[in-house]
Amino acid sequence: MKKSARIRIRRDFVKVSESGFYYRSAVLVVQCAPNNGLDRFRVGFTASKKVGNAVVRNRCKRRMRAAADIILPEYAISGIDYVFIARKSTFTVEWTDLLDICKSAVVYLNRKISKCKKSQ
């Protein structure tokens, strides 16, 4: 995935957190919200210090980034921002399970966004 499709500014993370939908699991949290005016999807990754030390947080973000690179090109909707938030178990969960959870989260959020767009 191109780096230009990444969310890097805190203001954008906060906007997605405040105005969007979310999917929670024991492994990770995925949030999404419309990104006004853009014709492509964007994605951001974060891990708080509760997850672990820097090594653990960076590995969690790498794993989420790799899963998103596989899942999002096929399932993401253009015009939507996705934010993946690591939890402690993101570090230890099996790779196939992480992929399944990411896929189900994105599909669930896309349905929620579609319903919201249809009702407007």
PDB file of N, CA and C in Angstrom:
ATOM      1  N   MET A   1       0.840  -1.171   0.000  1.00  0.00           N
ATOM      2  CA  MET A   1       0.000   0.000   0.000  1.00  0.00           C
ATOM      3  C   MET A   1       0.891   1.242   0.000  1.00  0.00           C
ATOM      4  N   LYS A   2       0.480   2.242  -0.727  1.00  0.00           N
ATOM      5  CA  LYS A   2       1.289   3.452  -0.825  1.00  0.00           C
ATOM      6  C   LYS A   2       1.297   4.211   0.495  1.00  0.00           C
ATOM      7  N   LYS A   3       2.413   4.853   0.760  1.00  0.00           N
ATOM      8  CA  LYS A   3       2.500   5.644   1.985  1.00  0.00           C
ATOM      9  C   LYS A   3       1.607   6.871   1.922  1.00  0.00           C
ATOM     10  N   SER A   4       1.260   7.319   0.713  1.00  0.00           N
ATOM     11  CA  SER A   4       0.361   8.465   0.599  1.00  0.00           C
ATOM     12  C   SER A   4      -1.046   8.126   1.062  1.00  0.00           C
ATOM     13  N   ALA A   5      -1.361   6.842   1.181  1.00  0.00           N
ATOM     14  CA  ALA A   5      -2.677   6.403   1.642  1.00  0.00           C
ATOM     15  C   ALA A   5      -2.690   6.171   3.148  1.00  0.00           C
ATOM     16  N   ARG A   6      -1.703   6.654   3.861  1.00  0.00           N
ATOM     17  CA  ARG A   6      -1.614   6.465   5.309  1.00  0.00           C
ATOM     18  C   ARG A   6      -2.084   7.711   6.050  1.00  0.00           C
ATOM     19  N   ILE A   7      -2.681   7.481   7.183  1.00  0.00           N
ATOM     20  CA  ILE A   7      -3.045   8.574   8.087  1.00  0.00           C
ATOM     21  C   ILE A   7      -1.876   8.754   9.040  1.00  0.00           C
ATOM     22  N   ARG A   8      -1.349   9.950   9.114  1.00  0.00           N
ATOM     23  CA  ARG A   8      -0.196  10.207   9.976  1.00  0.00           C
ATOM     24  C   ARG A   8      -0.406  11.375  10.940  1.00  0.00           C
ATOM     25  N   ILE A   9      -1.421  12.167  10.716  1.00  0.00           N
ATOM     26  CA  ILE A   9      -1.651  13.360  11.530  1.00  0.00           C
ATOM     27  C   ILE A   9      -2.661  13.051  12.626  1.00  0.00           C
ATOM     28  N   ARG A  10      -2.346  13.445  13.843  1.00  0.00           N
ATOM     29  CA  ARG A  10      -3.196  13.162  14.998  1.00  0.00           C
ATOM     30  C   ARG A  10      -4.616  13.666  14.800  1.00  0.00           C
ATOM     31  N   ARG A  11      -4.761  14.799  14.185  1.00  0.00           N
ATOM     32  CA  ARG A  11      -6.083  15.382  13.943  1.00  0.00           C
ATOM     33  C   ARG A  11      -6.972  14.412  13.147  1.00  0.00           C
ATOM     34  N   ASP A  12      -6.392  13.718  12.177  1.00  0.00           N
ATOM     35  CA  ASP A  12      -7.152  12.758  11.380  1.00  0.00           C
ATOM     36  C   ASP A  12      -7.532  11.519  12.195  1.00  0.00           C
ATOM     37  N   PHE A  13      -6.628  11.061  13.070  1.00  0.00           N
ATOM     38  CA  PHE A  13      -6.946   9.938  13.957  1.00  0.00           C
ATOM     39  C   PHE A  13      -8.105  10.306  14.875  1.00  0.00           C
ATOM     40  N   VAL A  14      -8.070  11.502  15.427  1.00  0.00           N
ATOM     41  CA  VAL A  14      -9.116  11.949  16.348  1.00  0.00           C
ATOM     42  C   VAL A  14     -10.442  12.091  15.613  1.00  0.00           C
ATOM     43  N   LYS A  15     -10.403  12.598  14.388  1.00  0.00           N
ATOM     44  CA  LYS A  15     -11.622  12.756  13.596  1.00  0.00           C
ATOM     45  C   LYS A  15     -12.295  11.408  13.340  1.00  0.00           C
ATOM     46  N   VAL A  16     -11.509  10.410  13.008  1.00  0.00           N
ATOM     47  CA  VAL A  16     -12.066   9.068  12.788  1.00  0.00           C
ATOM     48  C   VAL A  16     -12.633   8.519  14.090  1.00  0.00           C
ATOM     49  N   SER A  17     -11.938   8.736  15.180  1.00  0.00           N
ATOM     50  CA  SER A  17     -12.380   8.238  16.478  1.00  0.00           C
ATOM     51  C   SER A  17     -13.702   8.865  16.909  1.00  0.00           C
ATOM     52  N   GLU A  18     -13.857  10.152  16.666  1.00  0.00           N
ATOM     53  CA  GLU A  18     -15.037  10.862  17.144  1.00  0.00           C
ATOM     54  C   GLU A  18     -16.255  10.696  16.239  1.00  0.00           C
ATOM     55  N   SER A  19     -16.037  10.581  14.939  1.00  0.00           N
ATOM     56  CA  SER A  19     -17.176  10.670  14.033  1.00  0.00           C
ATOM     57  C   SER A  19     -17.494   9.382  13.292  1.00  0.00           C
ATOM     58  N   GLY A  20     -16.851   8.288  13.655  1.00  0.00           N
ATOM     59  CA  GLY A  20     -17.044   7.092  12.850  1.00  0.00           C
ATOM     60  C   GLY A  20     -17.638   5.919  13.586  1.00  0.00           C
ATOM     61  N   PHE A  21     -17.526   4.777  12.936  1.00  0.00           N
ATOM     62  CA  PHE A  21     -17.970   3.507  13.472  1.00  0.00           C
ATOM     63  C   PHE A  21     -16.761   2.716  13.949  1.00  0.00           C
ATOM     64  N   TYR A  22     -17.000   1.702  14.770  1.00  0.00           N
ATOM     65  CA  TYR A  22     -15.877   0.909  15.254  1.00  0.00           C
ATOM     66  C   TYR A  22     -16.265  -0.554  15.366  1.00  0.00           C
ATOM     67  N   TYR A  23     -15.248  -1.398  15.347  1.00  0.00           N
ATOM     68  CA  TYR A  23     -15.390  -2.841  15.536  1.00  0.00           C
ATOM     69  C   TYR A  23     -14.368  -3.222  16.589  1.00  0.00           C
ATOM     70  N   ARG A  24     -14.832  -3.820  17.679  1.00  0.00           N
ATOM     71  CA  ARG A  24     -13.923  -4.213  18.760  1.00  0.00           C
ATOM     72  C   ARG A  24     -13.830  -5.718  18.832  1.00  0.00           C
ATOM     73  N   SER A  25     -12.624  -6.204  19.051  1.00  0.00           N
ATOM     74  CA  SER A  25     -12.421  -7.611  19.355  1.00  0.00           C
ATOM     75  C   SER A  25     -11.332  -7.694  20.417  1.00  0.00           C
ATOM     76  N   ALA A  26     -11.048  -8.880  20.872  1.00  0.00           N
ATOM     77  CA  ALA A  26      -9.998  -9.061  21.874  1.00  0.00           C
ATOM     78  C   ALA A  26      -8.620  -8.815  21.275  1.00  0.00           C
ATOM     79  N   VAL A  27      -8.526  -8.876  19.961  1.00  0.00           N
ATOM     80  CA  VAL A  27      -7.225  -8.759  19.293  1.00  0.00           C
ATOM     81  C   VAL A  27      -6.925  -7.341  18.851  1.00  0.00           C
ATOM     82  N   LEU A  28      -7.928  -6.642  18.317  1.00  0.00           N
ATOM     83  CA  LEU A  28      -7.700  -5.273  17.843  1.00  0.00           C
ATOM     84  C   LEU A  28      -9.010  -4.526  17.749  1.00  0.00           C
ATOM     85  N   VAL A  29      -8.894  -3.231  17.533  1.00  0.00           N
ATOM     86  CA  VAL A  29     -10.041  -2.359  17.303  1.00  0.00           C
ATOM     87  C   VAL A  29      -9.833  -1.728  15.930  1.00  0.00           C
ATOM     88  N   VAL A  30     -10.903  -1.695  15.142  1.00  0.00           N
ATOM     89  CA  VAL A  30     -10.837  -1.028  13.846  1.00  0.00           C
ATOM     90  C   VAL A  30     -11.923   0.034  13.836  1.00  0.00           C
ATOM     91  N   GLN A  31     -11.539   1.256  13.480  1.00  0.00           N
ATOM     92  CA  GLN A  31     -12.476   2.364  13.389  1.00  0.00           C
ATOM     93  C   GLN A  31     -12.516   2.841  11.940  1.00  0.00           C
ATOM     94  N   CYS A  32     -13.647   3.392  11.531  1.00  0.00           N
ATOM     95  CA  CYS A  32     -13.699   3.964  10.188  1.00  0.00           C
ATOM     96  C   CYS A  32     -14.640   5.159  10.183  1.00  0.00           C
ATOM     97  N   ALA A  33     -14.386   6.054   9.249  1.00  0.00           N
ATOM     98  CA  ALA A  33     -15.215   7.242   9.063  1.00  0.00           C
ATOM     99  C   ALA A  33     -14.985   7.763   7.651  1.00  0.00           C
ATOM    100  N   PRO A  34     -15.976   8.442   7.092  1.00  0.00           N
ATOM    101  CA  PRO A  34     -15.773   9.020   5.756  1.00  0.00           C
ATOM    102  C   PRO A  34     -14.680  10.083   5.780  1.00  0.00           C
ATOM    103  N   ASN A  35     -13.836  10.074   4.744  1.00  0.00           N
ATOM    104  CA  ASN A  35     -12.839  11.141   4.613  1.00  0.00           C
ATOM    105  C   ASN A  35     -13.331  12.084   3.533  1.00  0.00           C
ATOM    106  N   ASN A  36     -13.841  13.190   3.942  1.00  0.00           N
ATOM    107  CA  ASN A  36     -14.533  14.108   3.050  1.00  0.00           C
ATOM    108  C   ASN A  36     -13.625  14.614   1.940  1.00  0.00           C
ATOM    109  N   GLY A  37     -14.060  14.359   0.731  1.00  0.00           N
ATOM    110  CA  GLY A  37     -13.376  14.927  -0.415  1.00  0.00           C
ATOM    111  C   GLY A  37     -12.304  14.070  -1.048  1.00  0.00           C
ATOM    112  N   LEU A  38     -11.921  12.956  -0.462  1.00  0.00           N
ATOM    113  CA  LEU A  38     -10.886  12.123  -1.055  1.00  0.00           C
ATOM    114  C   LEU A  38     -11.527  10.964  -1.809  1.00  0.00           C
ATOM    115  N   ASP A  39     -10.915  10.592  -2.927  1.00  0.00           N
ATOM    116  CA  ASP A  39     -11.469   9.515  -3.748  1.00  0.00           C
ATOM    117  C   ASP A  39     -10.784   8.176  -3.502  1.00  0.00           C
ATOM    118  N   ARG A  40     -10.015   8.083  -2.433  1.00  0.00           N
ATOM    119  CA  ARG A  40      -9.347   6.824  -2.099  1.00  0.00           C
ATOM    120  C   ARG A  40      -9.504   6.584  -0.594  1.00  0.00           C
ATOM    121  N   PHE A  41      -9.249   5.356  -0.193  1.00  0.00           N
ATOM    122  CA  PHE A  41      -9.290   5.074   1.237  1.00  0.00           C
ATOM    123  C   PHE A  41      -7.916   5.368   1.834  1.00  0.00           C
ATOM    124  N   ARG A  42      -7.923   5.679   3.135  1.00  0.00           N
ATOM    125  CA  ARG A  42      -6.680   5.877   3.866  1.00  0.00           C
ATOM    126  C   ARG A  42      -6.701   4.970   5.081  1.00  0.00           C
ATOM    127  N   VAL A  43      -5.526   4.676   5.602  1.00  0.00           N
ATOM    128  CA  VAL A  43      -5.432   3.765   6.739  1.00  0.00           C
ATOM    129  C   VAL A  43      -4.371   4.260   7.711  1.00  0.00           C
ATOM    130  N   GLY A  44      -4.648   4.090   9.009  1.00  0.00           N
ATOM    131  CA  GLY A  44      -3.706   4.464  10.051  1.00  0.00           C
ATOM    132  C   GLY A  44      -3.574   3.333  11.057  1.00  0.00           C
ATOM    133  N   PHE A  45      -2.444   3.305  11.733  1.00  0.00           N
ATOM    134  CA  PHE A  45      -2.147   2.246  12.705  1.00  0.00           C
ATOM    135  C   PHE A  45      -1.635   2.885  13.979  1.00  0.00           C
ATOM    136  N   THR A  46      -2.094   2.365  15.113  1.00  0.00           N
ATOM    137  CA  THR A  46      -1.632   2.900  16.378  1.00  0.00           C
ATOM    138  C   THR A  46      -1.612   1.802  17.438  1.00  0.00           C
ATOM    139  N   ALA A  47      -0.735   1.993  18.405  1.00  0.00           N
ATOM    140  CA  ALA A  47      -0.630   1.089  19.553  1.00  0.00           C
ATOM    141  C   ALA A  47      -0.222   1.931  20.751  1.00  0.00           C
ATOM    142  N   SER A  48      -0.997   1.864  21.811  1.00  0.00           N
ATOM    143  CA  SER A  48      -0.685   2.665  22.992  1.00  0.00           C
ATOM    144  C   SER A  48       0.371   1.967  23.838  1.00  0.00           C
ATOM    145  N   LYS A  49       0.854   2.660  24.842  1.00  0.00           N
ATOM    146  CA  LYS A  49       1.867   2.083  25.721  1.00  0.00           C
ATOM    147  C   LYS A  49       1.317   0.955  26.581  1.00  0.00           C
ATOM    148  N   LYS A  50      -0.005   0.839  26.671  1.00  0.00           N
ATOM    149  CA  LYS A  50      -0.604  -0.278  27.405  1.00  0.00           C
ATOM    150  C   LYS A  50      -0.304  -1.613  26.726  1.00  0.00           C
ATOM    151  N   VAL A  51      -0.046  -1.574  25.424  1.00  0.00           N
ATOM    152  CA  VAL A  51       0.210  -2.798  24.663  1.00  0.00           C
ATOM    153  C   VAL A  51       1.537  -3.420  25.074  1.00  0.00           C
ATOM    154  N   GLY A  52       2.520  -2.605  25.346  1.00  0.00           N
ATOM    155  CA  GLY A  52       3.828  -3.124  25.733  1.00  0.00           C
ATOM    156  C   GLY A  52       4.923  -2.110  25.452  1.00  0.00           C
ATOM    157  N   ASN A  53       6.162  -2.596  25.492  1.00  0.00           N
ATOM    158  CA  ASN A  53       7.283  -1.685  25.238  1.00  0.00           C
ATOM    159  C   ASN A  53       7.377  -1.393  23.733  1.00  0.00           C
ATOM    160  N   ALA A  54       8.362  -0.625  23.329  1.00  0.00           N
ATOM    161  CA  ALA A  54       8.467  -0.162  21.942  1.00  0.00           C
ATOM    162  C   ALA A  54       8.596  -1.327  20.959  1.00  0.00           C
ATOM    163  N   VAL A  55       9.320  -2.356  21.337  1.00  0.00           N
ATOM    164  CA  VAL A  55       9.498  -3.512  20.464  1.00  0.00           C
ATOM    165  C   VAL A  55       8.158  -4.179  20.193  1.00  0.00           C
ATOM    166  N   VAL A  56       7.373  -4.372  21.229  1.00  0.00           N
ATOM    167  CA  VAL A  56       6.069  -5.017  21.094  1.00  0.00           C
ATOM    168  C   VAL A  56       5.120  -4.141  20.287  1.00  0.00           C
ATOM    169  N   ARG A  57       5.077  -2.841  20.587  1.00  0.00           N
ATOM    170  CA  ARG A  57       4.189  -1.929  19.856  1.00  0.00           C
ATOM    171  C   ARG A  57       4.542  -1.896  18.375  1.00  0.00           C
ATOM    172  N   ASN A  58       5.819  -1.834  18.057  1.00  0.00           N
ATOM    173  CA  ASN A  58       6.223  -1.786  16.653  1.00  0.00           C
ATOM    174  C   ASN A  58       5.888  -3.085  15.929  1.00  0.00           C
ATOM    175  N   ARG A  59       6.053  -4.221  16.595  1.00  0.00           N
ATOM    176  CA  ARG A  59       5.719  -5.493  15.959  1.00  0.00           C
ATOM    177  C   ARG A  59       4.213  -5.591  15.725  1.00  0.00           C
ATOM    178  N   CYS A  60       3.428  -5.124  16.687  1.00  0.00           N
ATOM    179  CA  CYS A  60       1.974  -5.124  16.508  1.00  0.00           C
ATOM    180  C   CYS A  60       1.574  -4.270  15.313  1.00  0.00           C
ATOM    181  N   LYS A  61       2.176  -3.096  15.190  1.00  0.00           N
ATOM    182  CA  LYS A  61       1.861  -2.230  14.058  1.00  0.00           C
ATOM    183  C   LYS A  61       2.312  -2.846  12.737  1.00  0.00           C
ATOM    184  N   ARG A  62       3.462  -3.516  12.723  1.00  0.00           N
ATOM    185  CA  ARG A  62       3.905  -4.194  11.500  1.00  0.00           C
ATOM    186  C   ARG A  62       2.945  -5.299  11.100  1.00  0.00           C
ATOM    187  N   ARG A  63       2.476  -6.061  12.081  1.00  0.00           N
ATOM    188  CA  ARG A  63       1.534  -7.150  11.790  1.00  0.00           C
ATOM    189  C   ARG A  63       0.214  -6.589  11.256  1.00  0.00           C
ATOM    190  N   MET A  64      -0.290  -5.519  11.881  1.00  0.00           N
ATOM    191  CA  MET A  64      -1.533  -4.920  11.401  1.00  0.00           C
ATOM    192  C   MET A  64      -1.353  -4.327  10.008  1.00  0.00           C
ATOM    193  N   ARG A  65      -0.206  -3.708   9.773  1.00  0.00           N
ATOM    194  CA  ARG A  65       0.083  -3.127   8.460  1.00  0.00           C
ATOM    195  C   ARG A  65       0.115  -4.206   7.377  1.00  0.00           C
ATOM    196  N   ALA A  66       0.746  -5.337   7.683  1.00  0.00           N
ATOM    197  CA  ALA A  66       0.810  -6.439   6.722  1.00  0.00           C
ATOM    198  C   ALA A  66      -0.586  -7.020   6.469  1.00  0.00           C
ATOM    199  N   ALA A  67      -1.385  -7.150   7.511  1.00  0.00           N
ATOM    200  CA  ALA A  67      -2.749  -7.659   7.337  1.00  0.00           C
ATOM    201  C   ALA A  67      -3.578  -6.679   6.508  1.00  0.00           C
ATOM    202  N   ALA A  68      -3.436  -5.403   6.774  1.00  0.00           N
ATOM    203  CA  ALA A  68      -4.180  -4.392   6.019  1.00  0.00           C
ATOM    204  C   ALA A  68      -3.754  -4.375   4.553  1.00  0.00           C
ATOM    205  N   ASP A  69      -2.467  -4.588   4.287  1.00  0.00           N
ATOM    206  CA  ASP A  69      -1.997  -4.632   2.905  1.00  0.00           C
ATOM    207  C   ASP A  69      -2.644  -5.773   2.131  1.00  0.00           C
ATOM    208  N   ILE A  70      -2.990  -6.842   2.822  1.00  0.00           N
ATOM    209  CA  ILE A  70      -3.639  -7.984   2.177  1.00  0.00           C
ATOM    210  C   ILE A  70      -5.147  -7.765   2.063  1.00  0.00           C
ATOM    211  N   ILE A  71      -5.773  -7.272   3.110  1.00  0.00           N
ATOM    212  CA  ILE A  71      -7.231  -7.196   3.187  1.00  0.00           C
ATOM    213  C   ILE A  71      -7.808  -5.963   2.484  1.00  0.00           C
ATOM    214  N   LEU A  72      -7.243  -4.797   2.720  1.00  0.00           N
ATOM    215  CA  LEU A  72      -7.873  -3.555   2.277  1.00  0.00           C
ATOM    216  C   LEU A  72      -7.969  -3.372   0.760  1.00  0.00           C
ATOM    217  N   PRO A  73      -6.983  -3.739  -0.032  1.00  0.00           N
ATOM    218  CA  PRO A  73      -7.169  -3.528  -1.474  1.00  0.00           C
ATOM    219  C   PRO A  73      -8.402  -4.241  -2.037  1.00  0.00           C
ATOM    220  N   GLU A  74      -8.786  -5.331  -1.406  1.00  0.00           N
ATOM    221  CA  GLU A  74      -9.941  -6.087  -1.891  1.00  0.00           C
ATOM    222  C   GLU A  74     -11.252  -5.618  -1.267  1.00  0.00           C
ATOM    223  N   TYR A  75     -11.238  -5.235   0.004  1.00  0.00           N
ATOM    224  CA  TYR A  75     -12.476  -4.983   0.727  1.00  0.00           C
ATOM    225  C   TYR A  75     -12.736  -3.519   1.086  1.00  0.00           C
ATOM    226  N   ALA A  76     -11.761  -2.658   1.021  1.00  0.00           N
ATOM    227  CA  ALA A  76     -11.951  -1.271   1.464  1.00  0.00           C
ATOM    228  C   ALA A  76     -12.796  -0.489   0.461  1.00  0.00           C
ATOM    229  N   ILE A  77     -13.510   0.483   0.974  1.00  0.00           N
ATOM    230  CA  ILE A  77     -14.326   1.377   0.158  1.00  0.00           C
ATOM    231  C   ILE A  77     -13.565   2.688   0.006  1.00  0.00           C
ATOM    232  N   SER A  78     -13.512   3.204  -1.209  1.00  0.00           N
ATOM    233  CA  SER A  78     -12.821   4.484  -1.393  1.00  0.00           C
ATOM    234  C   SER A  78     -13.643   5.589  -0.729  1.00  0.00           C
ATOM    235  N   GLY A  79     -12.940   6.560  -0.196  1.00  0.00           N
ATOM    236  CA  GLY A  79     -13.579   7.651   0.524  1.00  0.00           C
ATOM    237  C   GLY A  79     -13.756   7.384   2.004  1.00  0.00           C
ATOM    238  N   ILE A  80     -13.121   6.339   2.518  1.00  0.00           N
ATOM    239  CA  ILE A  80     -13.244   5.965   3.931  1.00  0.00           C
ATOM    240  C   ILE A  80     -11.853   5.916   4.558  1.00  0.00           C
ATOM    241  N   ASP A  81     -11.738   6.403   5.793  1.00  0.00           N
ATOM    242  CA  ASP A  81     -10.517   6.281   6.584  1.00  0.00           C
ATOM    243  C   ASP A  81     -10.685   5.109   7.548  1.00  0.00           C
ATOM    244  N   TYR A  82      -9.683   4.246   7.612  1.00  0.00           N
ATOM    245  CA  TYR A  82      -9.673   3.109   8.535  1.00  0.00           C
ATOM    246  C   TYR A  82      -8.516   3.296   9.514  1.00  0.00           C
ATOM    247  N   VAL A  83      -8.774   3.051  10.787  1.00  0.00           N
ATOM    248  CA  VAL A  83      -7.738   3.125  11.813  1.00  0.00           C
ATOM    249  C   VAL A  83      -7.716   1.797  12.563  1.00  0.00           C
ATOM    250  N   PHE A  84      -6.552   1.163  12.598  1.00  0.00           N
ATOM    251  CA  PHE A  84      -6.351  -0.095  13.304  1.00  0.00           C
ATOM    252  C   PHE A  84      -5.638   0.210  14.613  1.00  0.00           C
ATOM    253  N   ILE A  85      -6.209  -0.247  15.724  1.00  0.00           N
ATOM    254  CA  ILE A  85      -5.646  -0.007  17.045  1.00  0.00           C
ATOM    255  C   ILE A  85      -5.273  -1.356  17.657  1.00  0.00           C
ATOM    256  N   ALA A  86      -4.026  -1.494  18.045  1.00  0.00           N
ATOM    257  CA  ALA A  86      -3.535  -2.766  18.597  1.00  0.00           C
ATOM    258  C   ALA A  86      -3.992  -2.947  20.035  1.00  0.00           C
ATOM    259  N   ARG A  87      -4.131  -4.205  20.408  1.00  0.00           N
ATOM    260  CA  ARG A  87      -4.354  -4.595  21.793  1.00  0.00           C
ATOM    261  C   ARG A  87      -3.239  -5.553  22.186  1.00  0.00           C
ATOM    262  N   LYS A  88      -3.183  -5.918  23.452  1.00  0.00           N
ATOM    263  CA  LYS A  88      -2.085  -6.772  23.925  1.00  0.00           C
ATOM    264  C   LYS A  88      -1.988  -8.085  23.159  1.00  0.00           C
ATOM    265  N   SER A  89      -3.113  -8.673  22.810  1.00  0.00           N
ATOM    266  CA  SER A  89      -3.088  -9.970  22.138  1.00  0.00           C
ATOM    267  C   SER A  89      -2.751  -9.874  20.648  1.00  0.00           C
ATOM    268  N   THR A  90      -2.646  -8.683  20.105  1.00  0.00           N
ATOM    269  CA  THR A  90      -2.244  -8.526  18.703  1.00  0.00           C
ATOM    270  C   THR A  90      -0.844  -9.100  18.490  1.00  0.00           C
ATOM    271  N   PHE A  91      -0.039  -9.025  19.518  1.00  0.00           N
ATOM    272  CA  PHE A  91       1.346  -9.497  19.450  1.00  0.00           C
ATOM    273  C   PHE A  91       1.425 -11.014  19.352  1.00  0.00           C
ATOM    274  N   THR A  92       0.511 -11.722  20.011  1.00  0.00           N
ATOM    275  CA  THR A  92       0.635 -13.175  20.134  1.00  0.00           C
ATOM    276  C   THR A  92      -0.353 -13.977  19.308  1.00  0.00           C
ATOM    277  N   VAL A  93      -1.358 -13.360  18.731  1.00  0.00           N
ATOM    278  CA  VAL A  93      -2.380 -14.101  17.997  1.00  0.00           C
ATOM    279  C   VAL A  93      -1.786 -14.718  16.726  1.00  0.00           C
ATOM    280  N   GLU A  94      -2.328 -15.862  16.331  1.00  0.00           N
ATOM    281  CA  GLU A  94      -1.883 -16.516  15.100  1.00  0.00           C
ATOM    282  C   GLU A  94      -2.163 -15.624  13.898  1.00  0.00           C
ATOM    283  N   TRP A  95      -1.294 -15.726  12.901  1.00  0.00           N
ATOM    284  CA  TRP A  95      -1.387 -14.864  11.725  1.00  0.00           C
ATOM    285  C   TRP A  95      -2.724 -15.060  11.000  1.00  0.00           C
ATOM    286  N   THR A  96      -3.143 -16.295  10.808  1.00  0.00           N
ATOM    287  CA  THR A  96      -4.398 -16.539  10.096  1.00  0.00           C
ATOM    288  C   THR A  96      -5.591 -15.985  10.866  1.00  0.00           C
ATOM    289  N   ASP A  97      -5.541 -16.070  12.181  1.00  0.00           N
ATOM    290  CA  ASP A  97      -6.613 -15.504  12.996  1.00  0.00           C
ATOM    291  C   ASP A  97      -6.647 -13.985  12.878  1.00  0.00           C
ATOM    292  N   LEU A  98      -5.479 -13.365  12.856  1.00  0.00           N
ATOM    293  CA  LEU A  98      -5.407 -11.909  12.693  1.00  0.00           C
ATOM    294  C   LEU A  98      -5.992 -11.494  11.353  1.00  0.00           C
ATOM    295  N   LEU A  99      -5.681 -12.226  10.299  1.00  0.00           N
ATOM    296  CA  LEU A  99      -6.242 -11.920   8.981  1.00  0.00           C
ATOM    297  C   LEU A  99      -7.761 -12.061   8.978  1.00  0.00           C
ATOM    298  N   ASP A 100      -8.264 -13.117   9.601  1.00  0.00           N
ATOM    299  CA  ASP A 100      -9.710 -13.328   9.654  1.00  0.00           C
ATOM    300  C   ASP A 100     -10.410 -12.211  10.426  1.00  0.00           C
ATOM    301  N   ILE A 101      -9.826 -11.793  11.523  1.00  0.00           N
ATOM    302  CA  ILE A 101     -10.426 -10.729  12.331  1.00  0.00           C
ATOM    303  C   ILE A 101     -10.400  -9.405  11.576  1.00  0.00           C
ATOM    304  N   CYS A 102      -9.301  -9.107  10.915  1.00  0.00           N
ATOM    305  CA  CYS A 102      -9.217  -7.874  10.124  1.00  0.00           C
ATOM    306  C   CYS A 102     -10.246  -7.872   9.006  1.00  0.00           C
ATOM    307  N   LYS A 103     -10.383  -8.989   8.327  1.00  0.00           N
ATOM    308  CA  LYS A 103     -11.348  -9.086   7.229  1.00  0.00           C
ATOM    309  C   LYS A 103     -12.769  -8.910   7.744  1.00  0.00           C
ATOM    310  N   SER A 104     -13.117  -9.604   8.820  1.00  0.00           N
ATOM    311  CA  SER A 104     -14.475  -9.485   9.340  1.00  0.00           C
ATOM    312  C   SER A 104     -14.748  -8.074   9.860  1.00  0.00           C
ATOM    313  N   ALA A 105     -13.750  -7.425  10.429  1.00  0.00           N
ATOM    314  CA  ALA A 105     -13.917  -6.052  10.903  1.00  0.00           C
ATOM    315  C   ALA A 105     -14.189  -5.101   9.748  1.00  0.00           C
ATOM    316  N   VAL A 106     -13.417  -5.221   8.685  1.00  0.00           N
ATOM    317  CA  VAL A 106     -13.587  -4.318   7.541  1.00  0.00           C
ATOM    318  C   VAL A 106     -14.935  -4.558   6.866  1.00  0.00           C
ATOM    319  N   VAL A 107     -15.327  -5.806   6.706  1.00  0.00           N
ATOM    320  CA  VAL A 107     -16.614  -6.116   6.087  1.00  0.00           C
ATOM    321  C   VAL A 107     -17.767  -5.582   6.949  1.00  0.00           C
ATOM    322  N   TYR A 108     -17.678  -5.774   8.255  1.00  0.00           N
ATOM    323  CA  TYR A 108     -18.699  -5.269   9.171  1.00  0.00           C
ATOM    324  C   TYR A 108     -18.813  -3.748   9.087  1.00  0.00           C
ATOM    325  N   LEU A 109     -17.677  -3.068   9.119  1.00  0.00           N
ATOM    326  CA  LEU A 109     -17.687  -1.602   9.066  1.00  0.00           C
ATOM    327  C   LEU A 109     -18.199  -1.096   7.727  1.00  0.00           C
ATOM    328  N   ASN A 110     -17.882  -1.791   6.650  1.00  0.00           N
ATOM    329  CA  ASN A 110     -18.387  -1.381   5.342  1.00  0.00           C
ATOM    330  C   ASN A 110     -19.907  -1.477   5.291  1.00  0.00           C
ATOM    331  N   ARG A 111     -20.474  -2.516   5.899  1.00  0.00           N
ATOM    332  CA  ARG A 111     -21.929  -2.635   5.957  1.00  0.00           C
ATOM    333  C   ARG A 111     -22.535  -1.484   6.750  1.00  0.00           C
ATOM    334  N   LYS A 112     -21.906  -1.133   7.883  1.00  0.00           N
ATOM    335  CA  LYS A 112     -22.413  -0.026   8.699  1.00  0.00           C
ATOM    336  C   LYS A 112     -22.365   1.293   7.926  1.00  0.00           C
ATOM    337  N   ILE A 113     -21.269   1.539   7.229  1.00  0.00           N
ATOM    338  CA  ILE A 113     -21.119   2.764   6.447  1.00  0.00           C
ATOM    339  C   ILE A 113     -22.150   2.794   5.313  1.00  0.00           C
ATOM    340  N   SER A 114     -22.357   1.661   4.655  1.00  0.00           N
ATOM    341  CA  SER A 114     -23.320   1.594   3.551  1.00  0.00           C
ATOM    342  C   SER A 114     -24.729   1.898   4.044  1.00  0.00           C
ATOM    343  N   LYS A 115     -25.114   1.339   5.189  1.00  0.00           N
ATOM    344  CA  LYS A 115     -26.425   1.614   5.751  1.00  0.00           C
ATOM    345  C   LYS A 115     -26.582   3.090   6.069  1.00  0.00           C
ATOM    346  N   CYS A 116     -25.552   3.679   6.609  1.00  0.00           N
ATOM    347  CA  CYS A 116     -25.594   5.089   6.973  1.00  0.00           C
ATOM    348  C   CYS A 116     -25.738   5.963   5.726  1.00  0.00           C
ATOM    349  N   LYS A 117     -25.019   5.635   4.667  1.00  0.00           N
ATOM    350  CA  LYS A 117     -25.086   6.408   3.425  1.00  0.00           C
ATOM    351  C   LYS A 117     -26.465   6.275   2.778  1.00  0.00           C
ATOM    352  N   LYS A 118     -27.057   5.076   2.842  1.00  0.00           N
ATOM    353  CA  LYS A 118     -28.358   4.852   2.236  1.00  0.00           C
ATOM    354  C   LYS A 118     -29.458   5.616   2.970  1.00  0.00           C
ATOM    355  N   SER A 119     -29.332   5.726   4.280  1.00  0.00           N
ATOM    356  CA  SER A 119     -30.366   6.397   5.067  1.00  0.00           C
ATOM    357  C   SER A 119     -30.320   7.912   4.940  1.00  0.00           C
ATOM    358  N   GLN A 120     -29.250   8.450   4.408  1.00  0.00           N
ATOM    359  CA  GLN A 120     -29.136   9.915   4.295  1.00  0.00           C
ATOM    360  C   GLN A 120     -29.794  10.446   3.074  1.00  0.00           C
TER     361      GLN A 120
END
